[in-house]
Amino acid sequence: MALSDDILLGKDTAYSFDYNPDLLFPVPRAQGRRELGINTDALPFVGLDRWTAYEVSWLNSDGMPQVAIVDFLFECTSESLVESKSFKLYLNSFNQTVMESVADLIKVLEKDLSVVSGGNVTVNLFGVDDYPIQTDETFKCLDDISVNCTQYEPDSGLLSGSVDLMKSGHYRLKSHLLRSLCPVTGQPDWATVFIEYRGGIINESQLLAYIVSYRNHQGFHEQCVEQIYQDISKLCKPDALSVYARYTRRGGLDINPWRANSMEFSPAVLRTSRQ
């Protein structure tokens, strides 16, 4: 997808340590969705993007530095995602800014991010020692399956004929082998992808080869998850489907998109060992 020349990724940038909401840069979701054949007026999924920031700091009314871990929940129905470098610069702009209370900080964050994304944003702030860490061992890992991989660009054809409708059930699978590339800098983005579905069983070797095929693909985290969701939904036709990717952090931020066809599989706040 074509990106604006104004995007901050890959450019030398001066850091501001005084509050500046103008640093935030939106990337409209519509273009990437149109390229995937997604009707932006009637999305085929529900979901959210959970960003976690580990380097949030500001000054209290006494000038004492405060630090926190913050979850930002962006609705998948919002008009834009936020370009990650601009998000980091925006958060850094609070470093020398006095906030009278945590409630005031949350209010400002929610307002600014809702405006730039064109959707409601929920902010949850935690003390550094209070952030919930949760794992889930109920997902079967696919990574030990022996697969001959030759395709390193997304190929939905790898899923063709992969479903056995005679074996229907509820399946929870994961792989640590999802890698994509930043569409601006070309740097690798690493993730564990969790796929939960109910329906005819999907051939696990074919599914793993399909996940690996993203290895050289350039795309934002959110767009990769939506493409995976779309391909599995169209080719495997599960009755219920959830795709959730937990990406490793860069610059103190990790991005964790989730898409599903119902809230049935609403994910827990998982944290993988690489995060």
C-alpha atoms as a PDB file:
ATOM      1  CA  MET A   1       0.000   0.000   0.000  1.00  0.00           C
ATOM      2  CA  ALA A   2       1.199   3.532  -0.777  1.00  0.00           C
ATOM      3  CA  LEU A   3       2.191   5.564   2.287  1.00  0.00           C
ATOM      4  CA  SER A   4       2.325   9.319   2.785  1.00  0.00           C
ATOM      5  CA  ASP A   5       5.733  10.987   2.510  1.00  0.00           C
ATOM      6  CA  ASP A   6       4.951  12.645   5.855  1.00  0.00           C
ATOM      7  CA  ILE A   7       5.232   9.362   7.748  1.00  0.00           C
ATOM      8  CA  LEU A   8       7.941   9.487  10.443  1.00  0.00           C
ATOM      9  CA  LEU A   9       9.200   5.895  10.270  1.00  0.00           C
ATOM     10  CA  GLY A  10      12.720   5.594   8.891  1.00  0.00           C
ATOM     11  CA  LYS A  11      13.505   9.288   9.318  1.00  0.00           C
ATOM     12  CA  ASP A  12      15.748  11.175  11.719  1.00  0.00           C
ATOM     13  CA  THR A  13      13.489  12.961  14.188  1.00  0.00           C
ATOM     14  CA  ALA A  14      14.029  15.454  16.983  1.00  0.00           C
ATOM     15  CA  TYR A  15      12.636  14.295  20.325  1.00  0.00           C
ATOM     16  CA  SER A  16      10.253  16.554  22.203  1.00  0.00           C
ATOM     17  CA  PHE A  17       9.899  16.160  25.961  1.00  0.00           C
ATOM     18  CA  ASP A  18       7.018  18.599  26.328  1.00  0.00           C
ATOM     19  CA  TYR A  19       3.474  17.468  25.612  1.00  0.00           C
ATOM     20  CA  ASN A  20       2.679  17.644  21.891  1.00  0.00           C
ATOM     21  CA  PRO A  21      -0.361  15.810  20.470  1.00  0.00           C
ATOM     22  CA  ASP A  22       0.492  17.049  16.968  1.00  0.00           C
ATOM     23  CA  LEU A  23       3.198  14.383  16.828  1.00  0.00           C
ATOM     24  CA  LEU A  24       0.570  11.661  16.294  1.00  0.00           C
ATOM     25  CA  PHE A  25       0.284  10.486  12.679  1.00  0.00           C
ATOM     26  CA  PRO A  26      -2.749   8.521  11.427  1.00  0.00           C
ATOM     27  CA  VAL A  27      -2.600   5.817   8.741  1.00  0.00           C
ATOM     28  CA  PRO A  28      -6.098   5.233   7.263  1.00  0.00           C
ATOM     29  CA  ARG A  29      -7.190   1.603   7.485  1.00  0.00           C
ATOM     30  CA  ALA A  30      -9.375   1.834   4.371  1.00  0.00           C
ATOM     31  CA  GLN A  31      -6.645   1.532   1.737  1.00  0.00           C
ATOM     32  CA  GLY A  32      -5.116  -1.641   3.152  1.00  0.00           C
ATOM     33  CA  ARG A  33      -8.565  -3.159   3.633  1.00  0.00           C
ATOM     34  CA  ARG A  34      -9.609  -2.392   0.071  1.00  0.00           C
ATOM     35  CA  GLU A  35      -6.498  -4.219  -1.149  1.00  0.00           C
ATOM     36  CA  LEU A  36      -7.708  -7.274   0.800  1.00  0.00           C
ATOM     37  CA  GLY A  37     -11.223  -7.000  -0.602  1.00  0.00           C
ATOM     38  CA  ILE A  38     -12.681  -6.002   2.764  1.00  0.00           C
ATOM     39  CA  ASN A  39     -15.851  -3.934   2.681  1.00  0.00           C
ATOM     40  CA  THR A  40     -14.999  -1.033   4.966  1.00  0.00           C
ATOM     41  CA  ASP A  41     -18.686  -0.210   5.406  1.00  0.00           C
ATOM     42  CA  ALA A  42     -19.531  -3.701   6.673  1.00  0.00           C
ATOM     43  CA  LEU A  43     -16.489  -5.273   8.302  1.00  0.00           C
ATOM     44  CA  PRO A  44     -16.529  -9.098   8.337  1.00  0.00           C
ATOM     45  CA  PHE A  45     -14.985  -9.195  11.801  1.00  0.00           C
ATOM     46  CA  VAL A  46     -14.966  -7.673  15.253  1.00  0.00           C
ATOM     47  CA  GLY A  47     -11.791  -6.951  17.156  1.00  0.00           C
ATOM     48  CA  LEU A  48      -9.335  -4.539  18.646  1.00  0.00           C
ATOM     49  CA  ASP A  49      -5.677  -3.576  18.595  1.00  0.00           C
ATOM     50  CA  ARG A  50      -4.050  -3.769  22.018  1.00  0.00           C
ATOM     51  CA  TRP A  51      -0.910  -1.626  22.254  1.00  0.00           C
ATOM     52  CA  THR A  52       1.199  -1.918  25.396  1.00  0.00           C
ATOM     53  CA  ALA A  53       3.664   0.839  26.244  1.00  0.00           C
ATOM     54  CA  TYR A  54       6.418   0.074  28.746  1.00  0.00           C
ATOM     55  CA  GLU A  55       8.183   3.448  28.812  1.00  0.00           C
ATOM     56  CA  VAL A  56       5.495   5.929  29.833  1.00  0.00           C
ATOM     57  CA  SER A  57       6.698   8.668  32.161  1.00  0.00           C
ATOM     58  CA  TRP A  58       5.556  12.113  33.301  1.00  0.00           C
ATOM     59  CA  LEU A  59       6.019  14.499  36.245  1.00  0.00           C
ATOM     60  CA  ASN A  60       3.607  14.787  39.151  1.00  0.00           C
ATOM     61  CA  SER A  61       2.668  18.132  40.719  1.00  0.00           C
ATOM     62  CA  ASP A  62       5.850  18.007  42.847  1.00  0.00           C
ATOM     63  CA  GLY A  63       8.046  17.519  39.795  1.00  0.00           C
ATOM     64  CA  MET A  64       8.709  13.886  40.732  1.00  0.00           C
ATOM     65  CA  PRO A  65       9.002  11.522  37.738  1.00  0.00           C
ATOM     66  CA  GLN A  66       6.308   8.865  37.486  1.00  0.00           C
ATOM     67  CA  VAL A  67       6.472   5.673  35.409  1.00  0.00           C
ATOM     68  CA  ALA A  68       3.832   3.198  34.312  1.00  0.00           C
ATOM     69  CA  ILE A  69       2.910   0.453  31.897  1.00  0.00           C
ATOM     70  CA  VAL A  70      -0.091   1.405  29.789  1.00  0.00           C
ATOM     71  CA  ASP A  71      -2.522  -0.603  27.651  1.00  0.00           C
ATOM     72  CA  PHE A  72      -4.220   1.215  24.767  1.00  0.00           C
ATOM     73  CA  LEU A  73      -7.260  -0.471  23.220  1.00  0.00           C
ATOM     74  CA  PHE A  74      -8.117   0.719  19.704  1.00  0.00           C
ATOM     75  CA  GLU A  75     -11.373  -0.466  18.146  1.00  0.00           C
ATOM     76  CA  CYS A  76     -10.905  -2.185  14.785  1.00  0.00           C
ATOM     77  CA  THR A  77     -13.745   0.031  13.512  1.00  0.00           C
ATOM     78  CA  SER A  78     -11.657   3.186  13.968  1.00  0.00           C
ATOM     79  CA  GLU A  79     -10.826   5.080  10.780  1.00  0.00           C
ATOM     80  CA  SER A  80      -7.040   4.941  11.220  1.00  0.00           C
ATOM     81  CA  LEU A  81      -4.285   3.094  12.960  1.00  0.00           C
ATOM     82  CA  VAL A  82      -1.523   5.189  14.513  1.00  0.00           C
ATOM     83  CA  GLU A  83       1.935   5.106  12.958  1.00  0.00           C
ATOM     84  CA  SER A  84       4.142   3.556  15.641  1.00  0.00           C
ATOM     85  CA  LYS A  85       7.068   5.989  15.631  1.00  0.00           C
ATOM     86  CA  SER A  86       4.719   8.940  15.968  1.00  0.00           C
ATOM     87  CA  PHE A  87       3.083   7.136  18.910  1.00  0.00           C
ATOM     88  CA  LYS A  88       6.473   6.697  20.607  1.00  0.00           C
ATOM     89  CA  LEU A  89       7.380  10.356  20.061  1.00  0.00           C
ATOM     90  CA  TYR A  90       3.995  11.418  21.432  1.00  0.00           C
ATOM     91  CA  LEU A  91       4.440   9.336  24.588  1.00  0.00           C
ATOM     92  CA  ASN A  92       7.964  10.717  25.052  1.00  0.00           C
ATOM     93  CA  SER A  93       6.519  14.239  24.924  1.00  0.00           C
ATOM     94  CA  PHE A  94       5.011  13.631  28.381  1.00  0.00           C
ATOM     95  CA  ASN A  95       8.429  13.061  29.969  1.00  0.00           C
ATOM     96  CA  GLN A  96       8.835  16.652  31.236  1.00  0.00           C
ATOM     97  CA  THR A  97       5.132  17.423  31.419  1.00  0.00           C
ATOM     98  CA  VAL A  98       3.413  17.934  34.775  1.00  0.00           C
ATOM     99  CA  MET A  99       0.133  16.062  35.217  1.00  0.00           C
ATOM    100  CA  GLU A 100      -1.933  16.804  38.320  1.00  0.00           C
ATOM    101  CA  SER A 101      -3.227  13.222  38.573  1.00  0.00           C
ATOM    102  CA  VAL A 102      -3.224   9.834  36.870  1.00  0.00           C
ATOM    103  CA  ALA A 103      -6.866  10.443  35.962  1.00  0.00           C
ATOM    104  CA  ASP A 104      -5.869  13.619  34.132  1.00  0.00           C
ATOM    105  CA  LEU A 105      -3.185  11.753  32.201  1.00  0.00           C
ATOM    106  CA  ILE A 106      -5.614   9.015  31.149  1.00  0.00           C
ATOM    107  CA  LYS A 107      -8.163  11.607  30.056  1.00  0.00           C
ATOM    108  CA  VAL A 108      -5.616  13.370  27.841  1.00  0.00           C
ATOM    109  CA  LEU A 109      -4.350  10.110  26.319  1.00  0.00           C
ATOM    110  CA  GLU A 110      -7.861   8.879  25.529  1.00  0.00           C
ATOM    111  CA  LYS A 111      -8.863  12.203  23.987  1.00  0.00           C
ATOM    112  CA  ASP A 112      -5.793  12.599  21.767  1.00  0.00           C
ATOM    113  CA  LEU A 113      -5.732   9.003  20.549  1.00  0.00           C
ATOM    114  CA  SER A 114      -9.471   8.913  19.899  1.00  0.00           C
ATOM    115  CA  VAL A 115      -9.180  12.051  17.779  1.00  0.00           C
ATOM    116  CA  VAL A 116      -6.255  10.840  15.674  1.00  0.00           C
ATOM    117  CA  SER A 117      -7.644   7.319  15.179  1.00  0.00           C
ATOM    118  CA  GLY A 118     -11.227   8.368  14.529  1.00  0.00           C
ATOM    119  CA  GLY A 119     -12.602   5.888  17.073  1.00  0.00           C
ATOM    120  CA  ASN A 120     -12.946   5.329  20.784  1.00  0.00           C
ATOM    121  CA  VAL A 121      -9.721   4.458  22.598  1.00  0.00           C
ATOM    122  CA  THR A 122      -9.608   2.993  26.101  1.00  0.00           C
ATOM    123  CA  VAL A 123      -6.524   3.524  28.266  1.00  0.00           C
ATOM    124  CA  ASN A 124      -5.610   1.291  31.219  1.00  0.00           C
ATOM    125  CA  LEU A 125      -2.637   2.380  33.330  1.00  0.00           C
ATOM    126  CA  PHE A 126      -0.713   0.067  35.674  1.00  0.00           C
ATOM    127  CA  GLY A 127       2.090   0.484  38.158  1.00  0.00           C
ATOM    128  CA  VAL A 128       5.261  -1.232  36.977  1.00  0.00           C
ATOM    129  CA  ASP A 129       4.846  -3.982  39.599  1.00  0.00           C
ATOM    130  CA  ASP A 130       1.115  -4.349  39.003  1.00  0.00           C
ATOM    131  CA  TYR A 131       0.865  -5.236  35.316  1.00  0.00           C
ATOM    132  CA  PRO A 132      -0.994  -8.548  34.849  1.00  0.00           C
ATOM    133  CA  ILE A 133       1.069 -11.265  33.178  1.00  0.00           C
ATOM    134  CA  GLN A 134      -0.882 -14.225  31.842  1.00  0.00           C
ATOM    135  CA  THR A 135       0.088 -17.209  29.709  1.00  0.00           C
ATOM    136  CA  ASP A 136      -2.110 -19.837  28.069  1.00  0.00           C
ATOM    137  CA  GLU A 137      -0.811 -23.351  27.615  1.00  0.00           C
ATOM    138  CA  THR A 138      -4.038 -24.654  26.082  1.00  0.00           C
ATOM    139  CA  PHE A 139      -2.966 -23.686  22.543  1.00  0.00           C
ATOM    140  CA  LYS A 140      -1.212 -26.455  20.612  1.00  0.00           C
ATOM    141  CA  CYS A 141       2.082 -25.260  19.078  1.00  0.00           C
ATOM    142  CA  LEU A 142       2.522 -26.162  15.395  1.00  0.00           C
ATOM    143  CA  ASP A 143       6.211 -25.349  15.108  1.00  0.00           C
ATOM    144  CA  ASP A 144       7.607 -28.877  15.478  1.00  0.00           C
ATOM    145  CA  ILE A 145       5.717 -30.095  12.407  1.00  0.00           C
ATOM    146  CA  SER A 146       8.100 -30.977   9.575  1.00  0.00           C
ATOM    147  CA  VAL A 147       7.048 -28.868   6.580  1.00  0.00           C
ATOM    148  CA  ASN A 148       8.831 -28.212   3.287  1.00  0.00           C
ATOM    149  CA  CYS A 149       8.622 -24.407   3.084  1.00  0.00           C
ATOM    150  CA  THR A 150       9.382 -22.659  -0.204  1.00  0.00           C
ATOM    151  CA  GLN A 151       6.966 -19.733  -0.161  1.00  0.00           C
ATOM    152  CA  TYR A 152       7.889 -16.574   1.762  1.00  0.00           C
ATOM    153  CA  GLU A 153       5.213 -14.197   0.496  1.00  0.00           C
ATOM    154  CA  PRO A 154       1.591 -14.675   1.635  1.00  0.00           C
ATOM    155  CA  ASP A 155       0.007 -17.461  -0.407  1.00  0.00           C
ATOM    156  CA  SER A 156      -3.588 -18.295   0.441  1.00  0.00           C
ATOM    157  CA  GLY A 157      -3.324 -21.217  -1.972  1.00  0.00           C
ATOM    158  CA  LEU A 158      -1.387 -23.060   0.728  1.00  0.00           C
ATOM    159  CA  LEU A 159      -4.717 -23.406   2.565  1.00  0.00           C
ATOM    160  CA  SER A 160      -6.572 -24.801  -0.440  1.00  0.00           C
ATOM    161  CA  GLY A 161      -8.176 -28.178   0.268  1.00  0.00           C
ATOM    162  CA  SER A 162      -6.900 -28.123   3.837  1.00  0.00           C
ATOM    163  CA  VAL A 163     -10.213 -28.756   5.628  1.00  0.00           C
ATOM    164  CA  ASP A 164     -11.600 -32.151   6.636  1.00  0.00           C
ATOM    165  CA  LEU A 165     -15.284 -31.576   7.329  1.00  0.00           C
ATOM    166  CA  MET A 166     -15.620 -35.124   8.642  1.00  0.00           C
ATOM    167  CA  LYS A 167     -13.544 -34.118  11.672  1.00  0.00           C
ATOM    168  CA  SER A 168     -15.279 -31.157  13.214  1.00  0.00           C
ATOM    169  CA  GLY A 169     -14.416 -29.661  16.570  1.00  0.00           C
ATOM    170  CA  HIS A 170     -13.029 -26.783  18.567  1.00  0.00           C
ATOM    171  CA  TYR A 171      -9.304 -26.172  17.961  1.00  0.00           C
ATOM    172  CA  ARG A 172      -6.724 -23.861  19.575  1.00  0.00           C
ATOM    173  CA  LEU A 173      -3.406 -23.520  17.727  1.00  0.00           C
ATOM    174  CA  LYS A 174      -0.392 -21.247  17.882  1.00  0.00           C
ATOM    175  CA  SER A 175       2.887 -20.627  16.097  1.00  0.00           C
ATOM    176  CA  HIS A 176       5.908 -18.550  17.056  1.00  0.00           C
ATOM    177  CA  LEU A 177       7.026 -18.427  13.404  1.00  0.00           C
ATOM    178  CA  LEU A 178       5.038 -15.437  12.202  1.00  0.00           C
ATOM    179  CA  ARG A 179       7.399 -12.825  10.846  1.00  0.00           C
ATOM    180  CA  SER A 180       6.581  -9.870   8.640  1.00  0.00           C
ATOM    181  CA  LEU A 181       8.478  -6.754   7.599  1.00  0.00           C
ATOM    182  CA  CYS A 182       7.776  -3.120   8.362  1.00  0.00           C
ATOM    183  CA  PRO A 183       6.393  -1.614   5.130  1.00  0.00           C
ATOM    184  CA  VAL A 184       8.503   1.528   5.630  1.00  0.00           C
ATOM    185  CA  THR A 185      11.863   0.445   7.066  1.00  0.00           C
ATOM    186  CA  GLY A 186      11.933  -3.229   6.057  1.00  0.00           C
ATOM    187  CA  GLN A 187      12.840  -4.217   9.625  1.00  0.00           C
ATOM    188  CA  PRO A 188      11.488  -7.590  10.798  1.00  0.00           C
ATOM    189  CA  ASP A 189       8.474  -7.801  13.090  1.00  0.00           C
ATOM    190  CA  TRP A 190       8.210 -11.040  15.096  1.00  0.00           C
ATOM    191  CA  ALA A 191       5.036 -12.486  16.581  1.00  0.00           C
ATOM    192  CA  THR A 192       3.294 -15.463  18.088  1.00  0.00           C
ATOM    193  CA  VAL A 193      -0.033 -15.990  16.358  1.00  0.00           C
ATOM    194  CA  PHE A 194      -2.942 -17.669  18.166  1.00  0.00           C
ATOM    195  CA  ILE A 195      -5.652 -19.201  15.964  1.00  0.00           C
ATOM    196  CA  GLU A 196      -8.809 -20.519  17.546  1.00  0.00           C
ATOM    197  CA  TYR A 197     -11.650 -21.924  15.493  1.00  0.00           C
ATOM    198  CA  ARG A 198     -14.663 -24.185  15.519  1.00  0.00           C
ATOM    199  CA  GLY A 199     -15.499 -26.262  12.425  1.00  0.00           C
ATOM    200  CA  GLY A 200     -13.884 -28.789  10.132  1.00  0.00           C
ATOM    201  CA  ILE A 201     -10.285 -29.521  11.108  1.00  0.00           C
ATOM    202  CA  ILE A 202      -7.658 -27.568   9.134  1.00  0.00           C
ATOM    203  CA  ASN A 203      -4.573 -29.471   7.983  1.00  0.00           C
ATOM    204  CA  GLU A 204      -1.922 -28.262  10.411  1.00  0.00           C
ATOM    205  CA  SER A 205       1.022 -28.655   8.026  1.00  0.00           C
ATOM    206  CA  GLN A 206      -0.705 -26.485   5.445  1.00  0.00           C
ATOM    207  CA  LEU A 207      -1.647 -23.914   8.079  1.00  0.00           C
ATOM    208  CA  LEU A 208       1.942 -23.718   9.332  1.00  0.00           C
ATOM    209  CA  ALA A 209       3.310 -23.312   5.787  1.00  0.00           C
ATOM    210  CA  TYR A 210       0.801 -20.510   5.275  1.00  0.00           C
ATOM    211  CA  ILE A 211       1.944 -18.718   8.462  1.00  0.00           C
ATOM    212  CA  VAL A 212       5.595 -19.053   7.383  1.00  0.00           C
ATOM    213  CA  SER A 213       4.723 -17.531   3.999  1.00  0.00           C
ATOM    214  CA  TYR A 214       4.493 -14.080   5.637  1.00  0.00           C
ATOM    215  CA  ARG A 215       8.235 -14.119   6.311  1.00  0.00           C
ATOM    216  CA  ASN A 216       9.171 -11.567   3.635  1.00  0.00           C
ATOM    217  CA  HIS A 217       5.838  -9.761   3.481  1.00  0.00           C
ATOM    218  CA  GLN A 218       5.777  -6.023   4.087  1.00  0.00           C
ATOM    219  CA  GLY A 219       2.721  -4.993   6.072  1.00  0.00           C
ATOM    220  CA  PHE A 220       1.605  -3.342   9.269  1.00  0.00           C
ATOM    221  CA  HIS A 221       0.779  -5.702  12.133  1.00  0.00           C
ATOM    222  CA  GLU A 222      -2.934  -4.981  11.940  1.00  0.00           C
ATOM    223  CA  GLN A 223      -3.083  -5.610   8.190  1.00  0.00           C
ATOM    224  CA  CYS A 224      -1.220  -8.921   8.473  1.00  0.00           C
ATOM    225  CA  VAL A 225      -3.706 -10.197  11.051  1.00  0.00           C
ATOM    226  CA  GLU A 226      -6.653  -9.095   8.927  1.00  0.00           C
ATOM    227  CA  GLN A 227      -5.199 -10.853   5.883  1.00  0.00           C
ATOM    228  CA  ILE A 228      -4.671 -14.076   7.860  1.00  0.00           C
ATOM    229  CA  TYR A 229      -8.216 -13.840   9.176  1.00  0.00           C
ATOM    230  CA  GLN A 230      -9.646 -13.225   5.710  1.00  0.00           C
ATOM    231  CA  ASP A 231      -7.756 -16.100   4.066  1.00  0.00           C
ATOM    232  CA  ILE A 232      -8.658 -18.669   6.720  1.00  0.00           C
ATOM    233  CA  SER A 233     -12.257 -17.484   6.774  1.00  0.00           C
ATOM    234  CA  LYS A 234     -12.684 -17.697   2.993  1.00  0.00           C
ATOM    235  CA  LEU A 235     -10.767 -20.897   2.287  1.00  0.00           C
ATOM    236  CA  CYS A 236     -11.437 -22.937   5.425  1.00  0.00           C
ATOM    237  CA  LYS A 237     -14.904 -21.583   6.261  1.00  0.00           C
ATOM    238  CA  PRO A 238     -14.895 -22.262  10.021  1.00  0.00           C
ATOM    239  CA  ASP A 239     -18.103 -21.627  11.918  1.00  0.00           C
ATOM    240  CA  ALA A 240     -16.198 -19.457  14.389  1.00  0.00           C
ATOM    241  CA  LEU A 241     -12.705 -17.981  13.991  1.00  0.00           C
ATOM    242  CA  SER A 242     -10.279 -15.876  16.021  1.00  0.00           C
ATOM    243  CA  VAL A 243      -6.810 -14.671  14.945  1.00  0.00           C
ATOM    244  CA  TYR A 244      -4.690 -12.962  17.594  1.00  0.00           C
ATOM    245  CA  ALA A 245      -1.043 -11.936  17.122  1.00  0.00           C
ATOM    246  CA  ARG A 246       1.260 -10.954  19.965  1.00  0.00           C
ATOM    247  CA  TYR A 247       4.154  -9.026  18.417  1.00  0.00           C
ATOM    248  CA  THR A 248       7.453  -8.405  20.162  1.00  0.00           C
ATOM    249  CA  ARG A 249       8.083  -4.841  21.201  1.00  0.00           C
ATOM    250  CA  ARG A 250      10.080  -2.179  19.414  1.00  0.00           C
ATOM    251  CA  GLY A 251      10.885   1.164  20.978  1.00  0.00           C
ATOM    252  CA  GLY A 252       9.039   0.290  24.166  1.00  0.00           C
ATOM    253  CA  LEU A 253       5.770  -0.605  22.392  1.00  0.00           C
ATOM    254  CA  ASP A 254       4.204  -3.885  21.359  1.00  0.00           C
ATOM    255  CA  ILE A 255       1.155  -4.149  19.082  1.00  0.00           C
ATOM    256  CA  ASN A 256      -1.286  -7.019  19.441  1.00  0.00           C
ATOM    257  CA  PRO A 257      -4.167  -7.119  16.934  1.00  0.00           C
ATOM    258  CA  TRP A 258      -7.151  -9.444  17.372  1.00  0.00           C
ATOM    259  CA  ARG A 259      -9.855 -10.223  14.799  1.00  0.00           C
ATOM    260  CA  ALA A 260     -12.785 -12.663  15.108  1.00  0.00           C
ATOM    261  CA  ASN A 261     -16.245 -13.264  13.722  1.00  0.00           C
ATOM    262  CA  SER A 262     -17.793 -13.038  17.185  1.00  0.00           C
ATOM    263  CA  MET A 263     -16.889 -12.055  20.746  1.00  0.00           C
ATOM    264  CA  GLU A 264     -16.982 -15.749  21.714  1.00  0.00           C
ATOM    265  CA  PHE A 265     -13.197 -16.013  21.468  1.00  0.00           C
ATOM    266  CA  SER A 266     -12.356 -12.653  23.030  1.00  0.00           C
ATOM    267  CA  PRO A 267      -8.702 -13.113  24.049  1.00  0.00           C
ATOM    268  CA  ALA A 268      -7.166 -12.835  27.465  1.00  0.00           C
ATOM    269  CA  VAL A 269      -4.339 -10.378  28.104  1.00  0.00           C
ATOM    270  CA  LEU A 270      -1.707 -12.916  27.129  1.00  0.00           C
ATOM    271  CA  ARG A 271       2.005 -12.227  27.389  1.00  0.00           C
ATOM    272  CA  THR A 272       4.458 -14.461  25.568  1.00  0.00           C
ATOM    273  CA  SER A 273       8.001 -15.148  26.749  1.00  0.00           C
ATOM    274  CA  ARG A 274       9.422 -12.973  23.940  1.00  0.00           C
ATOM    275  CA  GLN A 275       7.400 -10.016  25.123  1.00  0.00           C
END
